Amino acid sequence: TEADKGDKVHRAAFEQLSSMENINFIGNVESRE
C-alpha cells in the first residue's frame, strides 16, 4: 500500500493518479484486500 511500492511504472502511476482531480484515487491496494 505504500507509495514507493512496485516497479518503476507503478510508482509513476501512483504519482500521476494522485494528481488527477477528476478521480477519487485512494492509493495502492493489495490483492488480498
PDB file of all heavy atoms in Angstrom:
ATOM      1  N   THR A   1       0.806  -1.215   0.000  1.00  0.00           N
ATOM      2  CA  THR A   1       0.000   0.000   0.000  1.00  0.00           C
ATOM      3  C   THR A   1       0.846   1.276   0.000  1.00  0.00           C
ATOM      4  O   THR A   1       0.333   2.356  -0.288  1.00  0.00           O
ATOM      5  CB  THR A   1      -0.928   0.026   1.226  1.00  0.00           C
ATOM      6  OG1 THR A   1      -0.137  -0.074   2.424  1.00  0.00           O
ATOM      7  CG2 THR A   1      -1.914  -1.134   1.178  1.00  0.00           C
ATOM      8  N   GLU A   2       2.144   1.162   0.310  1.00  0.00           N
ATOM      9  CA  GLU A   2       2.998   2.343   0.361  1.00  0.00           C
ATOM     10  C   GLU A   2       3.202   2.938  -1.036  1.00  0.00           C
ATOM     11  O   GLU A   2       3.196   2.222  -2.039  1.00  0.00           O
ATOM     12  CB  GLU A   2       4.356   1.995   0.971  1.00  0.00           C
ATOM     13  CG  GLU A   2       4.295   1.490   2.406  1.00  0.00           C
ATOM     14  CD  GLU A   2       4.034  -0.006   2.501  1.00  0.00           C
ATOM     15  OE1 GLU A   2       3.798  -0.650   1.437  1.00  0.00           O
ATOM     16  OE2 GLU A   2       4.068  -0.540   3.626  1.00  0.00           O
ATOM     17  N   ALA A   3       3.403   4.244  -1.085  1.00  0.00           N
ATOM     18  CA  ALA A   3       3.536   4.960  -2.359  1.00  0.00           C
ATOM     19  C   ALA A   3       4.745   4.501  -3.172  1.00  0.00           C
ATOM     20  O   ALA A   3       4.757   4.610  -4.402  1.00  0.00           O
ATOM     21  CB  ALA A   3       3.613   6.461  -2.108  1.00  0.00           C
ATOM     22  N   ASP A   4       5.800   4.006  -2.526  1.00  0.00           N
ATOM     23  CA  ASP A   4       7.020   3.626  -3.232  1.00  0.00           C
ATOM     24  C   ASP A   4       7.063   2.148  -3.605  1.00  0.00           C
ATOM     25  O   ASP A   4       8.110   1.629  -4.004  1.00  0.00           O
ATOM     26  CB  ASP A   4       8.245   3.976  -2.389  1.00  0.00           C
ATOM     27  CG  ASP A   4       8.267   3.232  -1.048  1.00  0.00           C
ATOM     28  OD1 ASP A   4       7.228   2.628  -0.678  1.00  0.00           O
ATOM     29  OD2 ASP A   4       9.313   3.270  -0.363  1.00  0.00           O
ATOM     30  N   LYS A   5       5.946   1.458  -3.513  1.00  0.00           N
ATOM     31  CA  LYS A   5       5.905   0.028  -3.853  1.00  0.00           C
ATOM     32  C   LYS A   5       5.772  -0.166  -5.368  1.00  0.00           C
ATOM     33  O   LYS A   5       5.303   0.699  -6.090  1.00  0.00           O
ATOM     34  CB  LYS A   5       4.723  -0.649  -3.152  1.00  0.00           C
ATOM     35  CG  LYS A   5       4.924  -0.878  -1.668  1.00  0.00           C
ATOM     36  CD  LYS A   5       5.988  -1.939  -1.416  1.00  0.00           C
ATOM     37  CE  LYS A   5       6.089  -2.293   0.061  1.00  0.00           C
ATOM     38  NZ  LYS A   5       7.093  -3.340   0.301  1.00  0.00           N
ATOM     39  N   GLY A   6       6.195  -1.340  -5.809  1.00  0.00           N
ATOM     40  CA  GLY A   6       6.020  -1.704  -7.204  1.00  0.00           C
ATOM     41  C   GLY A   6       7.192  -1.338  -8.086  1.00  0.00           C
ATOM     42  O   GLY A   6       8.208  -0.802  -7.634  1.00  0.00           O
ATOM     43  N   ASP A   7       7.030  -1.635  -9.381  1.00  0.00           N
ATOM     44  CA  ASP A   7       8.082  -1.313 -10.343  1.00  0.00           C
ATOM     45  C   ASP A   7       8.038   0.171 -10.705  1.00  0.00           C
ATOM     46  O   ASP A   7       7.221   0.940 -10.184  1.00  0.00           O
ATOM     47  CB  ASP A   7       7.957  -2.191 -11.588  1.00  0.00           C
ATOM     48  CG  ASP A   7       6.593  -2.058 -12.269  1.00  0.00           C
ATOM     49  OD1 ASP A   7       5.900  -1.044 -12.035  1.00  0.00           O
ATOM     50  OD2 ASP A   7       6.225  -2.951 -13.039  1.00  0.00           O
ATOM     51  N   LYS A   8       8.909   0.552 -11.624  1.00  0.00           N
ATOM     52  CA  LYS A   8       9.039   1.965 -11.993  1.00  0.00           C
ATOM     53  C   LYS A   8       7.735   2.538 -12.521  1.00  0.00           C
ATOM     54  O   LYS A   8       7.348   3.669 -12.171  1.00  0.00           O
ATOM     55  CB  LYS A   8      10.149   2.111 -13.038  1.00  0.00           C
ATOM     56  CG  LYS A   8      10.430   3.540 -13.453  1.00  0.00           C
ATOM     57  CD  LYS A   8      11.583   3.585 -14.453  1.00  0.00           C
ATOM     58  CE  LYS A   8      11.868   5.023 -14.891  1.00  0.00           C
ATOM     59  NZ  LYS A   8      12.996   5.075 -15.865  1.00  0.00           N
ATOM     60  N   VAL A   9       7.035   1.774 -13.358  1.00  0.00           N
ATOM     61  CA  VAL A   9       5.789   2.264 -13.951  1.00  0.00           C
ATOM     62  C   VAL A   9       4.716   2.436 -12.888  1.00  0.00           C
ATOM     63  O   VAL A   9       3.974   3.429 -12.884  1.00  0.00           O
ATOM     64  CB  VAL A   9       5.298   1.316 -15.063  1.00  0.00           C
ATOM     65  CG1 VAL A   9       3.965   1.802 -15.633  1.00  0.00           C
ATOM     66  CG2 VAL A   9       6.329   1.212 -16.184  1.00  0.00           C
ATOM     67  N   HIS A  10       4.613   1.487 -11.950  1.00  0.00           N
ATOM     68  CA  HIS A  10       3.593   1.587 -10.912  1.00  0.00           C
ATOM     69  C   HIS A  10       3.872   2.750  -9.950  1.00  0.00           C
ATOM     70  O   HIS A  10       2.933   3.399  -9.477  1.00  0.00           O
ATOM     71  CB  HIS A  10       3.479   0.264 -10.140  1.00  0.00           C
ATOM     72  CG  HIS A  10       2.646  -0.762 -10.836  1.00  0.00           C
ATOM     73  ND1 HIS A  10       3.106  -1.485 -11.906  1.00  0.00           N
ATOM     74  CD2 HIS A  10       1.358  -1.154 -10.636  1.00  0.00           C
ATOM     75  CE1 HIS A  10       2.153  -2.302 -12.335  1.00  0.00           C
ATOM     76  NE2 HIS A  10       1.078  -2.113 -11.576  1.00  0.00           N
ATOM     77  N   ARG A  11       5.138   3.005  -9.679  1.00  0.00           N
ATOM     78  CA  ARG A  11       5.457   4.155  -8.821  1.00  0.00           C
ATOM     79  C   ARG A  11       5.084   5.468  -9.516  1.00  0.00           C
ATOM     80  O   ARG A  11       4.550   6.391  -8.899  1.00  0.00           O
ATOM     81  CB  ARG A  11       6.938   4.136  -8.440  1.00  0.00           C
ATOM     82  CG  ARG A  11       7.326   2.966  -7.532  1.00  0.00           C
ATOM     83  CD  ARG A  11       8.687   3.176  -6.886  1.00  0.00           C
ATOM     84  NE  ARG A  11       9.765   3.267  -7.870  1.00  0.00           N
ATOM     85  CZ  ARG A  11      10.434   2.219  -8.353  1.00  0.00           C
ATOM     86  NH1 ARG A  11      10.122   0.998  -7.948  1.00  0.00           N
ATOM     87  NH2 ARG A  11      11.408   2.401  -9.226  1.00  0.00           N
ATOM     88  N   ALA A  12       5.361   5.510 -10.815  1.00  0.00           N
ATOM     89  CA  ALA A  12       4.992   6.701 -11.582  1.00  0.00           C
ATOM     90  C   ALA A  12       3.469   6.829 -11.690  1.00  0.00           C
ATOM     91  O   ALA A  12       2.923   7.939 -11.636  1.00  0.00           O
ATOM     92  CB  ALA A  12       5.607   6.635 -12.982  1.00  0.00           C
ATOM     93  N   ALA A  13       2.797   5.688 -11.819  1.00  0.00           N
ATOM     94  CA  ALA A  13       1.336   5.702 -11.908  1.00  0.00           C
ATOM     95  C   ALA A  13       0.720   6.209 -10.610  1.00  0.00           C
ATOM     96  O   ALA A  13      -0.273   6.953 -10.622  1.00  0.00           O
ATOM     97  CB  ALA A  13       0.819   4.306 -12.232  1.00  0.00           C
ATOM     98  N   PHE A  14       1.295   5.812  -9.478  1.00  0.00           N
ATOM     99  CA  PHE A  14       0.799   6.296  -8.191  1.00  0.00           C
ATOM    100  C   PHE A  14       0.853   7.828  -8.143  1.00  0.00           C
ATOM    101  O   PHE A  14      -0.119   8.484  -7.752  1.00  0.00           O
ATOM    102  CB  PHE A  14       1.626   5.710  -7.051  1.00  0.00           C
ATOM    103  CG  PHE A  14       1.132   6.079  -5.683  1.00  0.00           C
ATOM    104  CD1 PHE A  14       0.317   5.222  -4.960  1.00  0.00           C
ATOM    105  CD2 PHE A  14       1.475   7.305  -5.106  1.00  0.00           C
ATOM    106  CE1 PHE A  14      -0.156   5.563  -3.698  1.00  0.00           C
ATOM    107  CE2 PHE A  14       1.024   7.659  -3.848  1.00  0.00           C
ATOM    108  CZ  PHE A  14       0.203   6.794  -3.140  1.00  0.00           C
ATOM    109  N   GLU A  15       1.969   8.387  -8.564  1.00  0.00           N
ATOM    110  CA  GLU A  15       2.119   9.839  -8.555  1.00  0.00           C
ATOM    111  C   GLU A  15       1.133  10.505  -9.520  1.00  0.00           C
ATOM    112  O   GLU A  15       0.497  11.515  -9.183  1.00  0.00           O
ATOM    113  CB  GLU A  15       3.548  10.226  -8.939  1.00  0.00           C
ATOM    114  CG  GLU A  15       4.592   9.850  -7.902  1.00  0.00           C
ATOM    115  CD  GLU A  15       5.983  10.333  -8.291  1.00  0.00           C
ATOM    116  OE1 GLU A  15       6.082  11.164  -9.223  1.00  0.00           O
ATOM    117  OE2 GLU A  15       6.963   9.880  -7.664  1.00  0.00           O
ATOM    118  N   GLN A  16       0.982   9.924 -10.697  1.00  0.00           N
ATOM    119  CA  GLN A  16       0.111  10.518 -11.704  1.00  0.00           C
ATOM    120  C   GLN A  16      -1.355  10.465 -11.275  1.00  0.00           C
ATOM    121  O   GLN A  16      -2.079  11.460 -11.381  1.00  0.00           O
ATOM    122  CB  GLN A  16       0.293   9.803 -13.044  1.00  0.00           C
ATOM    123  CG  GLN A  16      -0.505  10.395 -14.183  1.00  0.00           C
ATOM    124  CD  GLN A  16      -0.116  11.822 -14.509  1.00  0.00           C
ATOM    125  OE1 GLN A  16       1.016  12.224 -14.253  1.00  0.00           O
ATOM    126  NE2 GLN A  16      -1.059  12.589 -15.043  1.00  0.00           N
ATOM    127  N   LEU A  17      -1.802   9.313 -10.787  1.00  0.00           N
ATOM    128  CA  LEU A  17      -3.202   9.176 -10.369  1.00  0.00           C
ATOM    129  C   LEU A  17      -3.492  10.061  -9.156  1.00  0.00           C
ATOM    130  O   LEU A  17      -4.608  10.574  -9.007  1.00  0.00           O
ATOM    131  CB  LEU A  17      -3.520   7.713 -10.060  1.00  0.00           C
ATOM    132  CG  LEU A  17      -3.403   6.724 -11.228  1.00  0.00           C
ATOM    133  CD1 LEU A  17      -3.801   5.322 -10.780  1.00  0.00           C
ATOM    134  CD2 LEU A  17      -4.265   7.163 -12.404  1.00  0.00           C
ATOM    135  N   SER A  18      -2.491  10.252  -8.304  1.00  0.00           N
ATOM    136  CA  SER A  18      -2.674  11.112  -7.127  1.00  0.00           C
ATOM    137  C   SER A  18      -2.922  12.562  -7.528  1.00  0.00           C
ATOM    138  O   SER A  18      -3.567  13.314  -6.794  1.00  0.00           O
ATOM    139  CB  SER A  18      -1.443  11.039  -6.219  1.00  0.00           C
ATOM    140  OG  SER A  18      -1.249   9.728  -5.721  1.00  0.00           O
ATOM    141  N   SER A  19      -2.407  12.945  -8.690  1.00  0.00           N
ATOM    142  CA  SER A  19      -2.530  14.333  -9.131  1.00  0.00           C
ATOM    143  C   SER A  19      -3.787  14.593  -9.965  1.00  0.00           C
ATOM    144  O   SER A  19      -4.077  15.745 -10.302  1.00  0.00           O
ATOM    145  CB  SER A  19      -1.302  14.726  -9.954  1.00  0.00           C
ATOM    146  OG  SER A  19      -1.274  14.023 -11.187  1.00  0.00           O
ATOM    147  N   MET A  20      -4.521  13.539 -10.309  1.00  0.00           N
ATOM    148  CA  MET A  20      -5.705  13.699 -11.165  1.00  0.00           C
ATOM    149  C   MET A  20      -6.918  14.095 -10.325  1.00  0.00           C
ATOM    150  O   MET A  20      -7.361  13.334  -9.459  1.00  0.00           O
ATOM    151  CB  MET A  20      -5.970  12.398 -11.938  1.00  0.00           C
ATOM    152  CG  MET A  20      -4.864  12.073 -12.933  1.00  0.00           C
ATOM    153  SD  MET A  20      -5.026  10.428 -13.697  1.00  0.00           S
ATOM    154  CE  MET A  20      -6.536  10.640 -14.639  1.00  0.00           C
ATOM    155  N   GLU A  21      -7.457  15.281 -10.605  1.00  0.00           N
ATOM    156  CA  GLU A  21      -8.562  15.803  -9.810  1.00  0.00           C
ATOM    157  C   GLU A  21      -9.909  15.196 -10.180  1.00  0.00           C
ATOM    158  O   GLU A  21     -10.862  15.296  -9.410  1.00  0.00           O
ATOM    159  CB  GLU A  21      -8.638  17.328  -9.972  1.00  0.00           C
ATOM    160  CG  GLU A  21      -7.404  18.051  -9.445  1.00  0.00           C
ATOM    161  CD  GLU A  21      -7.502  19.553  -9.618  1.00  0.00           C
ATOM    162  OE1 GLU A  21      -8.512  20.012 -10.208  1.00  0.00           O
ATOM    163  OE2 GLU A  21      -6.589  20.267  -9.165  1.00  0.00           O
ATOM    164  N   ASN A  22     -10.003  14.567 -11.347  1.00  0.00           N
ATOM    165  CA  ASN A  22     -11.291  14.046 -11.806  1.00  0.00           C
ATOM    166  C   ASN A  22     -11.576  12.627 -11.323  1.00  0.00           C
ATOM    167  O   ASN A  22     -12.620  12.061 -11.651  1.00  0.00           O
ATOM    168  CB  ASN A  22     -11.361  14.082 -13.335  1.00  0.00           C
ATOM    169  CG  ASN A  22     -10.241  13.283 -13.988  1.00  0.00           C
ATOM    170  OD1 ASN A  22      -9.148  13.180 -13.462  1.00  0.00           O
ATOM    171  ND2 ASN A  22     -10.534  12.708 -15.140  1.00  0.00           N
ATOM    172  N   ILE A  23     -10.662  12.018 -10.568  1.00  0.00           N
ATOM    173  CA  ILE A  23     -10.926  10.697  -9.987  1.00  0.00           C
ATOM    174  C   ILE A  23     -10.639  10.719  -8.484  1.00  0.00           C
ATOM    175  O   ILE A  23      -9.819  11.501  -8.014  1.00  0.00           O
ATOM    176  CB  ILE A  23     -10.101   9.575 -10.669  1.00  0.00           C
ATOM    177  CG1 ILE A  23      -8.602   9.774 -10.407  1.00  0.00           C
ATOM    178  CG2 ILE A  23     -10.398   9.486 -12.158  1.00  0.00           C
ATOM    179  CD1 ILE A  23      -7.769   8.589 -10.850  1.00  0.00           C
ATOM    180  N   ASN A  24     -11.300   9.844  -7.775  1.00  0.00           N
ATOM    181  CA  ASN A  24     -11.129   9.726  -6.329  1.00  0.00           C
ATOM    182  C   ASN A  24     -10.109   8.625  -6.039  1.00  0.00           C
ATOM    183  O   ASN A  24     -10.455   7.513  -5.663  1.00  0.00           O
ATOM    184  CB  ASN A  24     -12.484   9.411  -5.682  1.00  0.00           C
ATOM    185  CG  ASN A  24     -12.397   9.219  -4.184  1.00  0.00           C
ATOM    186  OD1 ASN A  24     -11.466   9.716  -3.536  1.00  0.00           O
ATOM    187  ND2 ASN A  24     -13.354   8.497  -3.623  1.00  0.00           N
ATOM    188  N   PHE A  25      -8.824   8.958  -6.239  1.00  0.00           N
ATOM    189  CA  PHE A  25      -7.767   7.961  -6.085  1.00  0.00           C
ATOM    190  C   PHE A  25      -7.432   7.760  -4.606  1.00  0.00           C
ATOM    191  O   PHE A  25      -7.137   8.711  -3.881  1.00  0.00           O
ATOM    192  CB  PHE A  25      -6.515   8.409  -6.835  1.00  0.00           C
ATOM    193  CG  PHE A  25      -5.383   7.433  -6.777  1.00  0.00           C
ATOM    194  CD1 PHE A  25      -5.524   6.142  -7.259  1.00  0.00           C
ATOM    195  CD2 PHE A  25      -4.156   7.803  -6.232  1.00  0.00           C
ATOM    196  CE1 PHE A  25      -4.479   5.236  -7.208  1.00  0.00           C
ATOM    197  CE2 PHE A  25      -3.098   6.911  -6.171  1.00  0.00           C
ATOM    198  CZ  PHE A  25      -3.262   5.622  -6.668  1.00  0.00           C
ATOM    199  N   ILE A  26      -7.486   6.495  -4.152  1.00  0.00           N
ATOM    200  CA  ILE A  26      -7.250   6.194  -2.737  1.00  0.00           C
ATOM    201  C   ILE A  26      -5.898   5.563  -2.484  1.00  0.00           C
ATOM    202  O   ILE A  26      -5.562   5.213  -1.351  1.00  0.00           O
ATOM    203  CB  ILE A  26      -8.361   5.281  -2.185  1.00  0.00           C
ATOM    204  CG1 ILE A  26      -8.362   3.932  -2.922  1.00  0.00           C
ATOM    205  CG2 ILE A  26      -9.718   5.958  -2.277  1.00  0.00           C
ATOM    206  CD1 ILE A  26      -9.214   2.875  -2.248  1.00  0.00           C
ATOM    207  N   GLY A  27      -5.090   5.383  -3.546  1.00  0.00           N
ATOM    208  CA  GLY A  27      -3.762   4.825  -3.377  1.00  0.00           C
ATOM    209  C   GLY A  27      -3.655   3.375  -3.830  1.00  0.00           C
ATOM    210  O   GLY A  27      -4.524   2.852  -4.534  1.00  0.00           O
ATOM    211  N   ASN A  28      -2.583   2.719  -3.410  1.00  0.00           N
ATOM    212  CA  ASN A  28      -2.352   1.321  -3.758  1.00  0.00           C
ATOM    213  C   ASN A  28      -3.263   0.397  -2.967  1.00  0.00           C
ATOM    214  O   ASN A  28      -3.585   0.668  -1.805  1.00  0.00           O
ATOM    215  CB  ASN A  28      -0.896   0.932  -3.471  1.00  0.00           C
ATOM    216  CG  ASN A  28       0.090   1.586  -4.424  1.00  0.00           C
ATOM    217  OD1 ASN A  28      -0.230   1.829  -5.584  1.00  0.00           O
ATOM    218  ND2 ASN A  28       1.292   1.880  -3.935  1.00  0.00           N
ATOM    219  N   VAL A  29      -3.666  -0.709  -3.603  1.00  0.00           N
ATOM    220  CA  VAL A  29      -4.414  -1.756  -2.908  1.00  0.00           C
ATOM    221  C   VAL A  29      -3.743  -3.096  -3.187  1.00  0.00           C
ATOM    222  O   VAL A  29      -3.173  -3.309  -4.263  1.00  0.00           O
ATOM    223  CB  VAL A  29      -5.896  -1.814  -3.346  1.00  0.00           C
ATOM    224  CG1 VAL A  29      -6.638  -0.562  -2.935  1.00  0.00           C
ATOM    225  CG2 VAL A  29      -6.023  -2.030  -4.854  1.00  0.00           C
ATOM    226  N   GLU A  30      -3.783  -3.991  -2.213  1.00  0.00           N
ATOM    227  CA  GLU A  30      -3.203  -5.324  -2.368  1.00  0.00           C
ATOM    228  C   GLU A  30      -4.270  -6.325  -2.788  1.00  0.00           C
ATOM    229  O   GLU A  30      -5.447  -6.154  -2.471  1.00  0.00           O
ATOM    230  CB  GLU A  30      -2.557  -5.764  -1.056  1.00  0.00           C
ATOM    231  CG  GLU A  30      -1.373  -4.921  -0.638  1.00  0.00           C
ATOM    232  CD  GLU A  30      -0.750  -5.406   0.658  1.00  0.00           C
ATOM    233  OE1 GLU A  30      -1.431  -5.375   1.692  1.00  0.00           O
ATOM    234  OE2 GLU A  30       0.424  -5.811   0.622  1.00  0.00           O
ATOM    235  N   SER A  31      -3.847  -7.374  -3.466  1.00  0.00           N
ATOM    236  CA  SER A  31      -4.796  -8.346  -3.994  1.00  0.00           C
ATOM    237  C   SER A  31      -5.593  -9.047  -2.894  1.00  0.00           C
ATOM    238  O   SER A  31      -6.753  -9.395  -3.090  1.00  0.00           O
ATOM    239  CB  SER A  31      -4.059  -9.390  -4.843  1.00  0.00           C
ATOM    240  OG  SER A  31      -3.031 -10.016  -4.093  1.00  0.00           O
ATOM    241  N   ARG A  32      -4.993  -9.221  -1.716  1.00  0.00           N
ATOM    242  CA  ARG A  32      -5.701  -9.900  -0.635  1.00  0.00           C
ATOM    243  C   ARG A  32      -6.863  -9.082  -0.092  1.00  0.00           C
ATOM    244  O   ARG A  32      -7.715  -9.620   0.631  1.00  0.00           O
ATOM    245  CB  ARG A  32      -4.735 -10.234   0.496  1.00  0.00           C
ATOM    246  CG  ARG A  32      -4.139  -9.019   1.211  1.00  0.00           C
ATOM    247  CD  ARG A  32      -3.185  -9.442   2.300  1.00  0.00           C
ATOM    248  NE  ARG A  32      -2.602  -8.287   2.994  1.00  0.00           N
ATOM    249  CZ  ARG A  32      -1.716  -8.388   3.972  1.00  0.00           C
ATOM    250  NH1 ARG A  32      -1.309  -9.599   4.362  1.00  0.00           N
ATOM    251  NH2 ARG A  32      -1.234  -7.313   4.553  1.00  0.00           N
ATOM    252  N   GLU A  33      -6.912  -7.787  -0.406  1.00  0.00           N
ATOM    253  CA  GLU A  33      -7.974  -6.919   0.087  1.00  0.00           C
ATOM    254  C   GLU A  33      -9.070  -6.663  -0.939  1.00  0.00           C
ATOM    255  O   GLU A  33     -10.038  -5.967  -0.649  1.00  0.00           O
ATOM    256  CB  GLU A  33      -7.388  -5.574   0.541  1.00  0.00           C
ATOM    257  CG  GLU A  33      -6.427  -5.674   1.709  1.00  0.00           C
ATOM    258  CD  GLU A  33      -7.096  -6.216   2.968  1.00  0.00           C
ATOM    259  OE1 GLU A  33      -8.301  -5.977   3.156  1.00  0.00           O
ATOM    260  OE2 GLU A  33      -6.403  -6.889   3.758  1.00  0.00           O
TER     261      GLU A  33
END
